[in-house]
Every structure is written in structure tokens, then in C-alpha cells.
Amino acid sequence: MARVEAEFFGGVGEQWATVWEGGAVVLGPLHAPEGEPFPAEGSPISRALRRLGVIAAAGEDEFATVGLGRCRDTEGWLD
């Protein structure tokens, strides 16, 4: 199970991610603060999704591959 969060406005923001397996944290908690580049391993969300087995499609990252960009606000989740 993973908990991921992104808070962005106008292209600036931050990300958090944690992954659990069997009730134990196996990745994170990870945080990418505003204004700092992502590490070579990728963003916290991409790293968490990879841990869950997501393989990025050609030309996309894991976030885009699983469609997390479809609903960028909570109200859109119900659609």
C-alpha cells in the first residue's frame, strides 16, 4: 500500500510518499521540498509507484502511466 501526495500550484510544489508491505514501512517516508530538484532515483511518487510494480510507459513517468494526472483535485475523483 502506498500513500502519495503532491501539492503544486503554477508548476511549483512538493511531493511526499510512503510505501507499506505487510504492515511495515518499506520505503520512505520520502519528501521532495519545494524548490529542490528530484534526486536521480526520481520523485517520491515515482519511486513509490515503482515499488508497487509500476513500469513507466515509453516517454512517461510512473505518475502519468497510472493516470494520476487525470484528477488533479479531490472533486474530480468522483467523475
C-alpha atoms as a PDB file:
ATOM      1  CA  MET A   1       0.000   0.000   0.000  1.00  0.00           C
ATOM      2  CA  ALA A   2       1.239   3.483  -0.744  1.00  0.00           C
ATOM      3  CA  ARG A   3       0.275   6.935   0.390  1.00  0.00           C
ATOM      4  CA  VAL A   4       1.291   9.637  -2.059  1.00  0.00           C
ATOM      5  CA  GLU A   5       0.642  13.359  -2.004  1.00  0.00           C
ATOM      6  CA  ALA A   6       1.528  16.192  -4.336  1.00  0.00           C
ATOM      7  CA  GLU A   7       0.889  19.860  -3.704  1.00  0.00           C
ATOM      8  CA  PHE A   8       1.614  22.018  -6.742  1.00  0.00           C
ATOM      9  CA  PHE A   9       0.480  25.403  -7.997  1.00  0.00           C
ATOM     10  CA  GLY A  10       1.823  27.043 -11.119  1.00  0.00           C
ATOM     11  CA  GLY A  11       4.437  24.307 -11.555  1.00  0.00           C
ATOM     12  CA  VAL A  12       5.955  24.822  -8.101  1.00  0.00           C
ATOM     13  CA  GLY A  13       5.354  22.448  -5.210  1.00  0.00           C
ATOM     14  CA  GLU A  14       6.352  19.391  -3.265  1.00  0.00           C
ATOM     15  CA  GLN A  15       5.709  15.640  -3.001  1.00  0.00           C
ATOM     16  CA  TRP A  16       5.504  13.022  -0.257  1.00  0.00           C
ATOM     17  CA  ALA A  17       5.312   9.225  -0.425  1.00  0.00           C
ATOM     18  CA  THR A  18       5.446   6.205   1.876  1.00  0.00           C
ATOM     19  CA  VAL A  19       5.013   2.514   0.990  1.00  0.00           C
ATOM     20  CA  TRP A  20       3.991  -0.259   3.399  1.00  0.00           C
ATOM     21  CA  GLU A  21       4.199  -4.013   2.921  1.00  0.00           C
ATOM     22  CA  GLY A  22       2.842  -6.445   5.487  1.00  0.00           C
ATOM     23  CA  GLY A  23       2.219  -3.572   7.877  1.00  0.00           C
ATOM     24  CA  ALA A  24       5.820  -2.334   7.813  1.00  0.00           C
ATOM     25  CA  VAL A  25       7.219   0.732   6.066  1.00  0.00           C
ATOM     26  CA  VAL A  26       9.411  -0.480   3.186  1.00  0.00           C
ATOM     27  CA  LEU A  27      10.006   2.883   1.502  1.00  0.00           C
ATOM     28  CA  GLY A  28      10.054   6.339   2.990  1.00  0.00           C
ATOM     29  CA  PRO A  29       8.657   8.467   4.181  1.00  0.00           C
ATOM     30  CA  LEU A  30      10.036  10.416   1.229  1.00  0.00           C
ATOM     31  CA  HIS A  31       9.690  14.168   0.763  1.00  0.00           C
ATOM     32  CA  ALA A  32      10.750  16.447  -2.070  1.00  0.00           C
ATOM     33  CA  PRO A  33      10.530  20.026  -0.782  1.00  0.00           C
ATOM     34  CA  GLU A  34       9.505  22.962  -2.913  1.00  0.00           C
ATOM     35  CA  GLY A  35      12.337  24.388  -4.976  1.00  0.00           C
ATOM     36  CA  GLU A  36      14.613  21.356  -4.720  1.00  0.00           C
ATOM     37  CA  PRO A  37      15.267  19.071  -7.711  1.00  0.00           C
ATOM     38  CA  PHE A  38      14.232  15.434  -7.525  1.00  0.00           C
ATOM     39  CA  PRO A  39      17.081  13.031  -6.778  1.00  0.00           C
ATOM     40  CA  ALA A  40      18.484  10.779  -9.512  1.00  0.00           C
ATOM     41  CA  GLU A  41      16.162   7.980  -8.306  1.00  0.00           C
ATOM     42  CA  GLY A  42      13.147  10.097  -9.263  1.00  0.00           C
ATOM     43  CA  SER A  43      10.312  11.835  -7.482  1.00  0.00           C
ATOM     44  CA  PRO A  44       8.869  10.381  -4.278  1.00  0.00           C
ATOM     45  CA  ILE A  45       5.678   9.393  -6.095  1.00  0.00           C
ATOM     46  CA  SER A  46       7.512   7.707  -8.979  1.00  0.00           C
ATOM     47  CA  ARG A  47       9.686   5.795  -6.520  1.00  0.00           C
ATOM     48  CA  ALA A  48       6.635   4.626  -4.567  1.00  0.00           C
ATOM     49  CA  LEU A  49       4.833   3.523  -7.721  1.00  0.00           C
ATOM     50  CA  ARG A  50       7.910   1.604  -8.884  1.00  0.00           C
ATOM     51  CA  ARG A  51       7.986  -0.157  -5.503  1.00  0.00           C
ATOM     52  CA  LEU A  52       4.384  -1.219  -6.178  1.00  0.00           C
ATOM     53  CA  GLY A  53       5.446  -2.681  -9.537  1.00  0.00           C
ATOM     54  CA  VAL A  54       4.528   0.107 -11.963  1.00  0.00           C
ATOM     55  CA  ILE A  55       6.691   0.222 -15.073  1.00  0.00           C
ATOM     56  CA  ALA A  56       6.632   3.602 -16.802  1.00  0.00           C
ATOM     57  CA  ALA A  57       5.373   3.678 -20.381  1.00  0.00           C
ATOM     58  CA  ALA A  58       7.741   4.980 -23.033  1.00  0.00           C
ATOM     59  CA  GLY A  59       8.099   8.746 -22.737  1.00  0.00           C
ATOM     60  CA  GLU A  60       6.166   8.938 -19.445  1.00  0.00           C
ATOM     61  CA  ASP A  61       6.918   8.661 -15.758  1.00  0.00           C
ATOM     62  CA  GLU A  62       5.097   6.319 -13.394  1.00  0.00           C
ATOM     63  CA  PHE A  63       2.680   9.088 -12.306  1.00  0.00           C
ATOM     64  CA  ALA A  64       1.456   9.573 -15.886  1.00  0.00           C
ATOM     65  CA  THR A  65       1.495   5.850 -16.669  1.00  0.00           C
ATOM     66  CA  VAL A  66      -1.082   5.042 -13.977  1.00  0.00           C
ATOM     67  CA  GLY A  67      -3.177   8.114 -14.817  1.00  0.00           C
ATOM     68  CA  LEU A  68      -2.777  10.069 -11.588  1.00  0.00           C
ATOM     69  CA  GLY A  69      -2.865  13.314 -13.566  1.00  0.00           C
ATOM     70  CA  ARG A  70      -6.496  12.762 -14.622  1.00  0.00           C
ATOM     71  CA  CYS A  71      -7.983  14.156 -11.421  1.00  0.00           C
ATOM     72  CA  ARG A  72      -5.847  16.941 -10.071  1.00  0.00           C
ATOM     73  CA  ASP A  73      -8.339  17.977  -7.399  1.00  0.00           C
ATOM     74  CA  THR A  74     -10.441  15.993  -4.939  1.00  0.00           C
ATOM     75  CA  GLU A  75     -13.737  16.927  -6.602  1.00  0.00           C
ATOM     76  CA  GLY A  76     -12.593  15.230  -9.821  1.00  0.00           C
ATOM     77  CA  TRP A  77     -12.192  11.843  -8.113  1.00  0.00           C
ATOM     78  CA  LEU A  78     -15.914  11.171  -8.278  1.00  0.00           C
ATOM     79  CA  ASP A  79     -16.013  11.511 -12.068  1.00  0.00           C
END
